[in-house]
C-alpha atoms as a PDB file:
ATOM      1  CA  MET A   1     201.858  36.733  74.152  1.00  0.00           C
ATOM      2  CA  CYS A   2     199.326  34.449  73.004  1.00  0.00           C
ATOM      3  CA  GLY A   3     199.944  32.257  75.534  1.00  0.00           C
ATOM      4  CA  PHE A   4     199.301  34.951  78.148  1.00  0.00           C
ATOM      5  CA  ALA A   5     196.021  35.980  76.559  1.00  0.00           C
ATOM      6  CA  LEU A   6     194.828  32.552  76.360  1.00  0.00           C
ATOM      7  CA  ARG A   7     195.431  32.163  80.396  1.00  0.00           C
ATOM      8  CA  TYR A   8     193.978  35.134  81.283  1.00  0.00           C
ATOM      9  CA  CYS A   9     191.969  37.399  78.827  1.00  0.00           C
ATOM     10  CA  THR A  10     188.493  37.148  77.554  1.00  0.00           C
ATOM     11  CA  LEU A  11     188.814  36.306  73.748  1.00  0.00           C
ATOM     12  CA  LEU A  12     186.280  37.335  71.050  1.00  0.00           C
ATOM     13  CA  PRO A  13     187.489  35.291  67.692  1.00  0.00           C
ATOM     14  CA  LYS A  14     185.491  36.453  64.660  1.00  0.00           C
ATOM     15  CA  VAL A  15     183.380  34.125  62.353  1.00  0.00           C
ATOM     16  CA  TYR A  16     181.890  35.247  58.883  1.00  0.00           C
ATOM     17  CA  PRO A  17     178.428  33.478  58.690  1.00  0.00           C
ATOM     18  CA  LEU A  18     177.319  35.065  55.522  1.00  0.00           C
ATOM     19  CA  GLU A  19     179.313  35.057  52.141  1.00  0.00           C
ATOM     20  CA  GLU A  20     180.089  38.311  50.757  1.00  0.00           C
ATOM     21  CA  PRO A  21     179.714  39.883  48.416  1.00  0.00           C
ATOM     22  CA  LEU A  22     176.232  41.703  48.586  1.00  0.00           C
ATOM     23  CA  PHE A  23     174.685  38.766  50.546  1.00  0.00           C
ATOM     24  CA  LEU A  24     172.855  36.967  47.761  1.00  0.00           C
ATOM     25  CA  GLY A  25     171.720  33.505  47.889  1.00  0.00           C
ATOM     26  CA  GLU A  26     171.659  31.052  45.118  1.00  0.00           C
ATOM     27  CA  GLY A  27     168.404  32.180  42.935  1.00  0.00           C
ATOM     28  CA  LYS A  28     167.830  33.350  39.420  1.00  0.00           C
ATOM     29  CA  VAL A  29     170.347  36.062  40.203  1.00  0.00           C
ATOM     30  CA  CYS A  30     173.258  35.171  41.627  1.00  0.00           C
ATOM     31  CA  ILE A  31     177.146  35.761  42.086  1.00  0.00           C
ATOM     32  CA  ASP A  32     179.873  33.560  40.590  1.00  0.00           C
ATOM     33  CA  THR A  33     183.487  34.234  41.827  1.00  0.00           C
ATOM     34  CA  GLU A  34     186.719  33.038  40.468  1.00  0.00           C
ATOM     35  CA  GLU A  35     190.003  33.505  42.636  1.00  0.00           C
ATOM     36  CA  THR A  36     193.148  34.072  40.416  1.00  0.00           C
ATOM     37  CA  GLU A  37     196.974  34.905  40.931  1.00  0.00           C
ATOM     38  CA  ASP A  38     198.472  37.657  38.622  1.00  0.00           C
ATOM     39  CA  PRO A  39     202.050  37.638  37.295  1.00  0.00           C
ATOM     40  CA  ASP A  40     202.965  39.827  40.096  1.00  0.00           C
ATOM     41  CA  GLY A  41     202.071  37.153  42.831  1.00  0.00           C
ATOM     42  CA  ASN A  42     198.872  39.397  43.645  1.00  0.00           C
ATOM     43  CA  ARG A  43     195.530  37.145  44.379  1.00  0.00           C
ATOM     44  CA  VAL A  44     192.490  38.533  42.313  1.00  0.00           C
ATOM     45  CA  ARG A  45     189.160  37.512  42.899  1.00  0.00           C
ATOM     46  CA  LYS A  46     186.533  38.506  39.888  1.00  0.00           C
ATOM     47  CA  HIS A  47     182.992  38.682  40.995  1.00  0.00           C
ATOM     48  CA  ARG A  48     180.312  38.331  38.325  1.00  0.00           C
ATOM     49  CA  LEU A  49     176.715  39.137  38.865  1.00  0.00           C
ATOM     50  CA  ILE A  50     174.662  36.069  36.845  1.00  0.00           C
ATOM     51  CA  GLY A  51     170.976  36.251  35.910  1.00  0.00           C
ATOM     52  CA  GLY A  52     170.630  40.109  35.653  1.00  0.00           C
ATOM     53  CA  PRO A  53     169.642  42.477  33.284  1.00  0.00           C
ATOM     54  CA  ARG A  54     173.038  42.889  32.119  1.00  0.00           C
ATOM     55  CA  PRO A  55     176.605  42.298  32.946  1.00  0.00           C
ATOM     56  CA  LEU A  56     177.993  43.504  36.308  1.00  0.00           C
ATOM     57  CA  ARG A  57     181.022  42.824  38.290  1.00  0.00           C
ATOM     58  CA  MET A  58     183.479  43.894  40.907  1.00  0.00           C
ATOM     59  CA  GLU A  59     186.979  42.849  41.225  1.00  0.00           C
ATOM     60  CA  GLU A  60     189.146  42.708  44.413  1.00  0.00           C
ATOM     61  CA  VAL A  61     192.959  42.494  44.944  1.00  0.00           C
ATOM     62  CA  LYS A  62     195.156  41.502  47.773  1.00  0.00           C
ATOM     63  CA  SER A  63     198.820  41.810  47.542  1.00  0.00           C
ATOM     64  CA  SER A  64     201.540  39.756  48.756  1.00  0.00           C
ATOM     65  CA  GLY A  65     201.923  40.282  52.570  1.00  0.00           C
ATOM     66  CA  GLU A  66     198.697  42.285  53.093  1.00  0.00           C
ATOM     67  CA  MET A  67     195.972  41.302  55.245  1.00  0.00           C
ATOM     68  CA  SER A  68     193.088  42.204  53.298  1.00  0.00           C
ATOM     69  CA  TRP A  69     191.230  42.417  50.059  1.00  0.00           C
ATOM     70  CA  LYS A  70     191.401  45.999  47.997  1.00  0.00           C
ATOM     71  CA  THR A  71     188.255  46.895  45.548  1.00  0.00           C
ATOM     72  CA  ARG A  72     189.958  47.901  42.078  1.00  0.00           C
ATOM     73  CA  LYS A  73     186.712  47.561  40.192  1.00  0.00           C
ATOM     74  CA  ARG A  74     183.308  48.630  41.807  1.00  0.00           C
ATOM     75  CA  TRP A  75     179.990  47.403  41.040  1.00  0.00           C
ATOM     76  CA  ILE A  76     178.375  50.821  40.184  1.00  0.00           C
ATOM     77  CA  GLU A  77     180.851  52.807  37.815  1.00  0.00           C
ATOM     78  CA  THR A  78     178.013  54.173  35.513  1.00  0.00           C
ATOM     79  CA  GLU A  79     174.305  55.112  35.351  1.00  0.00           C
ATOM     80  CA  GLU A  80     173.660  52.149  33.436  1.00  0.00           C
ATOM     81  CA  ASP A  81     175.138  49.850  36.557  1.00  0.00           C
ATOM     82  CA  PHE A  82     173.066  51.604  39.247  1.00  0.00           C
ATOM     83  CA  VAL A  83     169.778  51.486  37.143  1.00  0.00           C
ATOM     84  CA  ALA A  84     170.516  47.407  36.645  1.00  0.00           C
ATOM     85  CA  PHE A  85     170.886  47.181  40.293  1.00  0.00           C
ATOM     86  CA  LEU A  86     167.832  49.286  41.141  1.00  0.00           C
ATOM     87  CA  SER A  87     165.827  46.667  38.947  1.00  0.00           C
ATOM     88  CA  LEU A  88     166.761  43.772  41.144  1.00  0.00           C
ATOM     89  CA  ASP A  89     164.363  44.428  44.108  1.00  0.00           C
ATOM     90  CA  SER A  90     163.514  40.788  45.001  1.00  0.00           C
ATOM     91  CA  LEU A  91     166.703  38.950  45.409  1.00  0.00           C
ATOM     92  CA  GLN A  92     167.368  35.641  47.231  1.00  0.00           C
ATOM     93  CA  PRO A  93     168.896  36.365  50.833  1.00  0.00           C
ATOM     94  CA  ALA A  94     171.925  34.260  51.395  1.00  0.00           C
ATOM     95  CA  VAL A  95     171.700  31.154  53.731  1.00  0.00           C
ATOM     96  CA  PRO A  96     173.973  31.746  56.773  1.00  0.00           C
ATOM     97  CA  ASP A  97     176.851  28.903  57.620  1.00  0.00           C
ATOM     98  CA  ILE A  98     175.393  28.664  61.001  1.00  0.00           C
ATOM     99  CA  GLU A  99     177.854  25.395  61.612  1.00  0.00           C
ATOM    100  CA  SER A 100     180.607  27.691  61.028  1.00  0.00           C
ATOM    101  CA  VAL A 101     179.505  29.791  64.278  1.00  0.00           C
ATOM    102  CA  ARG A 102     178.862  26.710  66.328  1.00  0.00           C
ATOM    103  CA  THR A 103     182.415  24.913  65.663  1.00  0.00           C
ATOM    104  CA  LYS A 104     183.907  28.568  66.662  1.00  0.00           C
ATOM    105  CA  GLU A 105     181.783  28.515  69.948  1.00  0.00           C
ATOM    106  CA  GLU A 106     182.963  25.018  70.489  1.00  0.00           C
ATOM    107  CA  GLN A 107     187.011  26.286  69.951  1.00  0.00           C
ATOM    108  CA  ILE A 108     186.570  29.189  72.106  1.00  0.00           C
ATOM    109  CA  GLY A 109     185.134  27.194  75.246  1.00  0.00           C
ATOM    110  CA  LYS A 110     185.780  28.754  78.414  1.00  0.00           C
ATOM    111  CA  HIS A 111     187.473  31.715  77.136  1.00  0.00           C
ATOM    112  CA  GLY A 112     184.395  33.637  75.521  1.00  0.00           C
ATOM    113  CA  LEU A 113     181.961  33.827  72.949  1.00  0.00           C
ATOM    114  CA  PRO A 114     182.507  34.194  69.103  1.00  0.00           C
ATOM    115  CA  TYR A 115     181.510  37.404  67.077  1.00  0.00           C
ATOM    116  CA  ALA A 116     179.265  36.502  64.356  1.00  0.00           C
ATOM    117  CA  GLU A 117     180.313  39.600  61.975  1.00  0.00           C
ATOM    118  CA  VAL A 118     177.637  40.875  59.473  1.00  0.00           C
ATOM    119  CA  ARG A 119     178.059  44.038  57.579  1.00  0.00           C
ATOM    120  CA  ASP A 120     175.037  46.561  57.492  1.00  0.00           C
ATOM    121  CA  PRO A 121     173.312  47.702  54.241  1.00  0.00           C
ATOM    122  CA  PHE A 122     175.284  51.003  54.315  1.00  0.00           C
ATOM    123  CA  GLY A 123     178.422  49.738  54.463  1.00  0.00           C
ATOM    124  CA  VAL A 124     177.347  47.228  51.841  1.00  0.00           C
ATOM    125  CA  VAL A 125     176.016  49.645  49.409  1.00  0.00           C
ATOM    126  CA  SER A 126     178.619  52.483  50.120  1.00  0.00           C
ATOM    127  CA  GLU A 127     181.322  50.207  48.690  1.00  0.00           C
ATOM    128  CA  MET A 128     179.432  49.365  45.580  1.00  0.00           C
ATOM    129  CA  PHE A 129     179.987  52.723  44.230  1.00  0.00           C
ATOM    130  CA  PRO A 130     183.422  54.979  43.933  1.00  0.00           C
ATOM    131  CA  THR A 131     183.808  56.709  47.414  1.00  0.00           C
ATOM    132  CA  GLU A 132     183.199  60.156  46.312  1.00  0.00           C
ATOM    133  CA  LEU A 133     180.413  59.447  43.889  1.00  0.00           C
ATOM    134  CA  PHE A 134     178.448  57.249  46.502  1.00  0.00           C
ATOM    135  CA  TYR A 135     178.478  60.418  49.157  1.00  0.00           C
ATOM    136  CA  ILE A 136     177.467  62.898  46.373  1.00  0.00           C
ATOM    137  CA  LYS A 137     174.498  60.649  45.378  1.00  0.00           C
ATOM    138  CA  THR A 138     173.654  60.447  49.171  1.00  0.00           C
ATOM    139  CA  ILE A 139     172.923  64.236  48.395  1.00  0.00           C
ATOM    140  CA  ASN A 140     171.420  64.603  44.926  1.00  0.00           C
ATOM    141  CA  ASP A 141     170.012  61.243  44.474  1.00  0.00           C
ATOM    142  CA  ARG A 142     169.118  60.332  48.083  1.00  0.00           C
ATOM    143  CA  LYS A 143     165.785  58.568  46.941  1.00  0.00           C
ATOM    144  CA  ARG A 144     167.435  56.373  44.872  1.00  0.00           C
ATOM    145  CA  ILE A 145     170.178  55.372  47.391  1.00  0.00           C
ATOM    146  CA  GLU A 146     167.440  54.759  50.159  1.00  0.00           C
ATOM    147  CA  LYS A 147     165.689  52.276  47.809  1.00  0.00           C
ATOM    148  CA  LEU A 148     169.180  50.281  47.085  1.00  0.00           C
ATOM    149  CA  LEU A 149     169.590  50.380  50.855  1.00  0.00           C
ATOM    150  CA  PHE A 150     166.245  49.007  51.714  1.00  0.00           C
ATOM    151  CA  PHE A 151     166.414  46.193  49.441  1.00  0.00           C
ATOM    152  CA  THR A 152     170.042  45.019  50.447  1.00  0.00           C
ATOM    153  CA  GLY A 153     168.735  45.758  54.315  1.00  0.00           C
ATOM    154  CA  ARG A 154     165.886  43.252  53.476  1.00  0.00           C
ATOM    155  CA  ARG A 155     168.336  40.697  52.383  1.00  0.00           C
ATOM    156  CA  ILE A 156     170.388  41.186  55.536  1.00  0.00           C
ATOM    157  CA  LEU A 157     167.798  40.856  57.886  1.00  0.00           C
ATOM    158  CA  ALA A 158     166.181  37.747  56.669  1.00  0.00           C
ATOM    159  CA  SER A 159     169.741  36.223  56.802  1.00  0.00           C
ATOM    160  CA  VAL A 160     170.400  37.698  60.401  1.00  0.00           C
ATOM    161  CA  GLU A 161     166.944  36.367  61.679  1.00  0.00           C
ATOM    162  CA  ARG A 162     167.759  32.760  60.348  1.00  0.00           C
ATOM    163  CA  LEU A 163     171.172  32.884  62.158  1.00  0.00           C
ATOM    164  CA  CYS A 164     169.684  33.905  65.365  1.00  0.00           C
ATOM    165  CA  ARG A 165     166.764  31.477  65.347  1.00  0.00           C
ATOM    166  CA  ASP A 166     168.693  28.484  64.215  1.00  0.00           C
ATOM    167  CA  THR A 167     172.223  28.586  65.696  1.00  0.00           C
ATOM    168  CA  GLY A 168     171.364  27.204  69.152  1.00  0.00           C
ATOM    169  CA  LYS A 169     174.536  28.218  70.761  1.00  0.00           C
ATOM    170  CA  PRO A 170     175.606  31.404  72.213  1.00  0.00           C
ATOM    171  CA  PHE A 171     177.113  34.086  70.335  1.00  0.00           C
ATOM    172  CA  ILE A 172     177.668  37.801  69.805  1.00  0.00           C
ATOM    173  CA  LEU A 173     176.343  39.456  66.619  1.00  0.00           C
ATOM    174  CA  ARG A 174     178.531  42.004  65.311  1.00  0.00           C
ATOM    175  CA  MET A 175     177.047  44.318  63.071  1.00  0.00           C
ATOM    176  CA  ILE A 176     179.716  46.806  60.952  1.00  0.00           C
ATOM    177  CA  GLY A 177     179.741  49.570  58.576  1.00  0.00           C
ATOM    178  CA  SER A 178     178.168  52.062  60.701  1.00  0.00           C
ATOM    179  CA  GLU A 179     181.562  54.238  60.940  1.00  0.00           C
ATOM    180  CA  LYS A 180     180.667  55.046  57.262  1.00  0.00           C
ATOM    181  CA  ALA A 181     177.564  56.811  58.247  1.00  0.00           C
ATOM    182  CA  ILE A 182     178.541  58.911  61.363  1.00  0.00           C
ATOM    183  CA  PRO A 183     180.667  62.331  61.570  1.00  0.00           C
ATOM    184  CA  PRO A 184     182.688  63.298  59.842  1.00  0.00           C
ATOM    185  CA  PHE A 185     181.335  61.623  57.041  1.00  0.00           C
ATOM    186  CA  MET A 186     177.461  62.098  57.457  1.00  0.00           C
ATOM    187  CA  SER A 187     175.501  63.958  60.263  1.00  0.00           C
ATOM    188  CA  ARG A 188     173.492  62.731  62.988  1.00  0.00           C
ATOM    189  CA  SER A 189     170.212  63.229  61.359  1.00  0.00           C
ATOM    190  CA  ASP A 190     171.462  61.451  58.344  1.00  0.00           C
ATOM    191  CA  PHE A 191     172.597  58.610  60.340  1.00  0.00           C
ATOM    192  CA  LEU A 192     169.407  58.093  61.968  1.00  0.00           C
ATOM    193  CA  GLN A 193     167.856  58.290  58.500  1.00  0.00           C
ATOM    194  CA  PHE A 194     170.029  55.869  56.606  1.00  0.00           C
ATOM    195  CA  GLU A 195     171.076  53.430  59.400  1.00  0.00           C
ATOM    196  CA  GLY A 196     168.418  53.881  62.161  1.00  0.00           C
ATOM    197  CA  PRO A 197     165.582  51.475  60.542  1.00  0.00           C
ATOM    198  CA  PHE A 198     167.793  48.702  59.882  1.00  0.00           C
ATOM    199  CA  TYR A 199     169.648  48.711  63.401  1.00  0.00           C
ATOM    200  CA  ARG A 200     166.422  49.109  65.195  1.00  0.00           C
ATOM    201  CA  GLN A 201     165.164  45.991  63.420  1.00  0.00           C
ATOM    202  CA  VAL A 202     168.338  43.913  64.319  1.00  0.00           C
ATOM    203  CA  ALA A 203     168.491  44.754  67.530  1.00  0.00           C
ATOM    204  CA  GLY A 204     164.440  43.300  67.994  1.00  0.00           C
ATOM    205  CA  ILE A 205     165.364  40.146  66.209  1.00  0.00           C
ATOM    206  CA  ALA A 206     168.542  39.618  68.529  1.00  0.00           C
ATOM    207  CA  SER A 207     166.320  40.383  71.488  1.00  0.00           C
ATOM    208  CA  LYS A 208     163.833  38.018  70.315  1.00  0.00           C
ATOM    209  CA  TYR A 209     166.264  35.151  70.228  1.00  0.00           C
ATOM    210  CA  GLU A 210     168.216  36.404  73.331  1.00  0.00           C
ATOM    211  CA  VAL A 211     171.556  36.784  71.251  1.00  0.00           C
ATOM    212  CA  PRO A 212     173.674  39.746  72.532  1.00  0.00           C
ATOM    213  CA  VAL A 213     174.425  42.478  69.565  1.00  0.00           C
ATOM    214  CA  ALA A 214     177.343  44.580  69.166  1.00  0.00           C
ATOM    215  CA  PHE A 215     177.496  48.017  67.664  1.00  0.00           C
ATOM    216  CA  HIS A 216     180.833  48.246  65.748  1.00  0.00           C
ATOM    217  CA  CYS A 217     182.237  51.718  64.948  1.00  0.00           C
ATOM    218  CA  HIS A 218     185.102  53.701  65.042  1.00  0.00           C
ATOM    219  CA  GLY A 219     185.584  57.015  65.432  1.00  0.00           C
ATOM    220  CA  PRO A 220     184.162  59.786  66.828  1.00  0.00           C
ATOM    221  CA  VAL A 221     180.393  58.655  68.320  1.00  0.00           C
ATOM    222  CA  ARG A 222     179.493  61.242  70.643  1.00  0.00           C
ATOM    223  CA  ASP A 223     176.559  62.329  68.858  1.00  0.00           C
ATOM    224  CA  ILE A 224     175.100  58.924  68.467  1.00  0.00           C
ATOM    225  CA  LEU A 225     175.918  57.105  71.542  1.00  0.00           C
ATOM    226  CA  SER A 226     172.801  57.505  73.210  1.00  0.00           C
ATOM    227  CA  ASP A 227     171.067  56.587  69.811  1.00  0.00           C
ATOM    228  CA  VAL A 228     172.744  53.166  69.804  1.00  0.00           C
ATOM    229  CA  TRP A 229     171.955  52.482  73.414  1.00  0.00           C
ATOM    230  CA  SER A 230     168.251  53.509  72.585  1.00  0.00           C
ATOM    231  CA  MET A 231     168.048  50.883  69.655  1.00  0.00           C
ATOM    232  CA  GLY A 232     168.640  48.092  72.357  1.00  0.00           C
ATOM    233  CA  TYR A 233     172.417  47.078  71.862  1.00  0.00           C
ATOM    234  CA  SER A 234     174.287  45.447  74.013  1.00  0.00           C
ATOM    235  CA  PHE A 235     177.929  46.743  73.520  1.00  0.00           C
ATOM    236  CA  VAL A 236     179.773  49.657  71.526  1.00  0.00           C
ATOM    237  CA  GLU A 237     182.992  48.628  70.354  1.00  0.00           C
ATOM    238  CA  PRO A 238     185.693  49.224  69.762  1.00  0.00           C
ATOM    239  CA  PHE A 239     185.282  52.636  71.424  1.00  0.00           C
ATOM    240  CA  GLU A 240     188.322  54.949  70.571  1.00  0.00           C
ATOM    241  CA  PRO A 241     189.618  57.616  72.642  1.00  0.00           C
ATOM    242  CA  PRO A 242     190.770  60.979  71.370  1.00  0.00           C
ATOM    243  CA  PRO A 243     192.055  62.084  69.000  1.00  0.00           C
ATOM    244  CA  ARG A 244     190.813  59.480  66.639  1.00  0.00           C
ATOM    245  CA  GLY A 245     187.332  59.517  68.880  1.00  0.00           C
ATOM    246  CA  ASN A 246     185.635  62.423  70.604  1.00  0.00           C
ATOM    247  CA  LEU A 247     184.832  61.079  74.267  1.00  0.00           C
ATOM    248  CA  THR A 248     187.100  59.967  77.075  1.00  0.00           C
ATOM    249  CA  VAL A 249     186.207  56.559  78.838  1.00  0.00           C
ATOM    250  CA  ALA A 250     184.725  58.504  81.365  1.00  0.00           C
ATOM    251  CA  GLU A 251     182.663  60.784  79.079  1.00  0.00           C
ATOM    252  CA  ALA A 252     181.199  57.866  77.036  1.00  0.00           C
ATOM    253  CA  LEU A 253     180.314  55.790  80.346  1.00  0.00           C
ATOM    254  CA  GLU A 254     178.496  58.866  81.973  1.00  0.00           C
ATOM    255  CA  LEU A 255     176.763  59.227  78.671  1.00  0.00           C
ATOM    256  CA  THR A 256     175.720  55.150  78.747  1.00  0.00           C
ATOM    257  CA  ALA A 257     174.663  55.197  81.996  1.00  0.00           C
ATOM    258  CA  GLY A 258     174.524  51.501  82.476  1.00  0.00           C
ATOM    259  CA  ARG A 259     172.107  50.789  79.050  1.00  0.00           C
ATOM    260  CA  GLY A 260     175.211  48.683  77.693  1.00  0.00           C
ATOM    261  CA  VAL A 261     178.995  47.884  77.805  1.00  0.00           C
ATOM    262  CA  VAL A 262     181.611  50.172  76.348  1.00  0.00           C
ATOM    263  CA  PHE A 263     184.418  48.062  74.910  1.00  0.00           C
ATOM    264  CA  GLY A 264     187.644  49.313  73.974  1.00  0.00           C
ATOM    265  CA  GLY A 265     189.648  52.064  75.203  1.00  0.00           C
ATOM    266  CA  VAL A 266     193.106  51.943  73.948  1.00  0.00           C
ATOM    267  CA  ASP A 267     193.995  53.098  70.306  1.00  0.00           C
ATOM    268  CA  ASP A 268     195.317  50.301  68.481  1.00  0.00           C
ATOM    269  CA  VAL A 269     197.948  53.026  66.746  1.00  0.00           C
ATOM    270  CA  LEU A 270     199.125  53.431  70.164  1.00  0.00           C
ATOM    271  CA  LEU A 271     199.888  49.923  70.845  1.00  0.00           C
ATOM    272  CA  SER A 272     201.418  49.796  67.468  1.00  0.00           C
ATOM    273  CA  THR A 273     203.942  52.873  67.514  1.00  0.00           C
ATOM    274  CA  GLY A 274     203.864  54.115  71.165  1.00  0.00           C
ATOM    275  CA  ARG A 275     206.647  54.280  73.743  1.00  0.00           C
ATOM    276  CA  VAL A 276     206.392  52.153  77.111  1.00  0.00           C
ATOM    277  CA  GLU A 277     205.177  55.236  79.050  1.00  0.00           C
ATOM    278  CA  GLU A 278     202.389  56.563  76.772  1.00  0.00           C
ATOM    279  CA  VAL A 279     200.921  52.772  76.432  1.00  0.00           C
ATOM    280  CA  ARG A 280     201.024  52.314  80.381  1.00  0.00           C
ATOM    281  CA  ASP A 281     199.412  55.869  80.866  1.00  0.00           C
ATOM    282  CA  ALA A 282     196.331  55.058  78.425  1.00  0.00           C
ATOM    283  CA  VAL A 283     195.849  51.577  80.009  1.00  0.00           C
ATOM    284  CA  GLU A 284     195.755  53.034  83.510  1.00  0.00           C
ATOM    285  CA  ARG A 285     193.782  56.024  82.666  1.00  0.00           C
ATOM    286  CA  CYS A 286     191.085  53.923  80.893  1.00  0.00           C
ATOM    287  CA  LEU A 287     190.918  51.338  84.210  1.00  0.00           C
ATOM    288  CA  ARG A 288     190.754  54.523  86.610  1.00  0.00           C
ATOM    289  CA  GLU A 289     188.167  56.271  84.868  1.00  0.00           C
ATOM    290  CA  SER A 290     185.958  53.073  84.704  1.00  0.00           C
ATOM    291  CA  LYS A 291     186.346  51.990  88.024  1.00  0.00           C
ATOM    292  CA  ASP A 292     185.491  55.489  89.072  1.00  0.00           C
ATOM    293  CA  SER A 293     182.465  55.755  86.923  1.00  0.00           C
ATOM    294  CA  GLY A 294     181.077  52.324  88.483  1.00  0.00           C
ATOM    295  CA  GLN A 295     179.645  51.297  84.978  1.00  0.00           C
ATOM    296  CA  PRO A 296     180.467  48.306  82.767  1.00  0.00           C
ATOM    297  CA  PHE A 297     183.358  48.492  81.048  1.00  0.00           C
ATOM    298  CA  ILE A 298     185.742  45.793  78.941  1.00  0.00           C
ATOM    299  CA  LEU A 299     189.142  47.167  78.132  1.00  0.00           C
ATOM    300  CA  SER A 300     190.337  46.413  74.707  1.00  0.00           C
ATOM    301  CA  GLN A 301     192.550  47.463  72.056  1.00  0.00           C
ATOM    302  CA  SER A 302     190.442  49.614  69.300  1.00  0.00           C
ATOM    303  CA  ALA A 303     191.470  46.902  66.478  1.00  0.00           C
ATOM    304  CA  THR A 304     193.897  44.134  65.875  1.00  0.00           C
ATOM    305  CA  PRO A 305     197.273  45.011  64.688  1.00  0.00           C
ATOM    306  CA  PHE A 306     197.595  44.892  60.900  1.00  0.00           C
ATOM    307  CA  PHE A 307     201.051  44.590  60.414  1.00  0.00           C
ATOM    308  CA  ASP A 308     202.662  40.818  60.155  1.00  0.00           C
ATOM    309  CA  PRO A 309     204.795  40.236  61.596  1.00  0.00           C
ATOM    310  CA  LEU A 310     204.718  42.410  64.509  1.00  0.00           C
ATOM    311  CA  SER A 311     207.784  45.067  65.145  1.00  0.00           C
ATOM    312  CA  GLU A 312     209.418  44.569  68.596  1.00  0.00           C
ATOM    313  CA  ASN A 313     207.997  47.757  69.806  1.00  0.00           C
ATOM    314  CA  ALA A 314     204.344  46.542  68.994  1.00  0.00           C
ATOM    315  CA  GLN A 315     205.147  43.118  70.534  1.00  0.00           C
ATOM    316  CA  ARG A 316     206.314  44.734  73.914  1.00  0.00           C
ATOM    317  CA  ASN A 317     203.431  47.099  73.889  1.00  0.00           C
ATOM    318  CA  LEU A 318     200.401  44.637  73.499  1.00  0.00           C
ATOM    319  CA  LEU A 319     202.463  42.384  76.472  1.00  0.00           C
ATOM    320  CA  LEU A 320     202.385  45.373  78.416  1.00  0.00           C
ATOM    321  CA  PHE A 321     198.845  46.333  77.734  1.00  0.00           C
ATOM    322  CA  LEU A 322     197.674  42.814  78.571  1.00  0.00           C
ATOM    323  CA  GLN A 323     199.457  42.641  81.668  1.00  0.00           C
ATOM    324  CA  ILE A 324     198.321  45.970  83.086  1.00  0.00           C
ATOM    325  CA  GLY A 325     194.646  45.100  82.372  1.00  0.00           C
ATOM    326  CA  VAL A 326     194.792  41.831  83.864  1.00  0.00           C
ATOM    327  CA  ALA A 327     196.424  43.417  87.088  1.00  0.00           C
ATOM    328  CA  GLY A 328     193.381  45.859  87.041  1.00  0.00           C
END
C-alpha cells in the first residue's frame, strides 16, 4: 500500500515547527515538561508554568497502543487559574523549528510539499479548560475569553510570521483548531467573531511570503465555506461529505467557484469499516462530481486511520481507494 502511494500519489507529511503547549518561548515565564512512565505502562507528560503569579500545570497521558495524548489535568480548572493566565499578557512567543520544515521538504522531494501544522488560538484556549466550562464561558464570560484568545493569538501570529519569512523552502501552512468554533459547537457569527480576525491575519502573512495556507476543519462547513475563501485561504481540508459533513463534493465546489482547492471527499470511517462496494461508490462519486464541476479538487481521505495495525478490511479499502483515485 505504501509503495503504491509513493509511486502514484502526492504526499503531504506533517511537521510540527512550534512546540506545544501554549506556544511559549524561553522568557521569564516558560513551561517545564517532564515525561515519565506510570506503573501501568502509560506515558505521562507533566507541564508546569514557571515564573507566573501562582503554580499552574497541565498533564497528558498516552496509553500503550494509542496514537495520541489525552489531557487528564487542564490548565484552567478554577477561577484562580483563569485570573493567573489573564495576568500573563506579554509572554514570549515560541521560536519555530525552521530546520525541521526544511528537512521534511527535502525528504519528500518530488512527492509533494510538507504541511507545517500550527494550532489556532481557539483550539489552544478551548483545551485549557474542561470542555463544558469553556463553552459556558464563551456565553457568560465572553470578554475574558476574548482577552485570552487575543494574547494567545498574538504569540502564534509572531511565530507564524517568523516561520513564513525565514524558512526559505516551499511548504503548506496548515492551521488547525477551527472545527471547535463552527456548527454544531458555535454559530457562523460566533465563528467569525472568535476566529475571523486571527484567520485573516494568518492569510495575510502567508500571502506576503507566498506560502499557501490550508484551513483545516472537520464536520459541517456549509455556513462558513464562503467566509474561508474570502479570508484568502488556498485549501479547505479535509472536506468531509455527509453524514459527518453537510455538503456533497458537488455542492462544495459550486460554493467554492474556483477561489481555492477543496481537499478530501472520502470519510475515513468508511475506509475503516465500509464494504468494498460502498468505498467504490463513494470514491467514484467524488471523481464524477469534481469532473462535472470543472473546479480544482484533490481526492483524499478525511483523516489518517487511527488504528495500528490496520484491519484487513481497512487495508483493502485504502488500497482500493488509491487505485480508483489514480485511475481517475
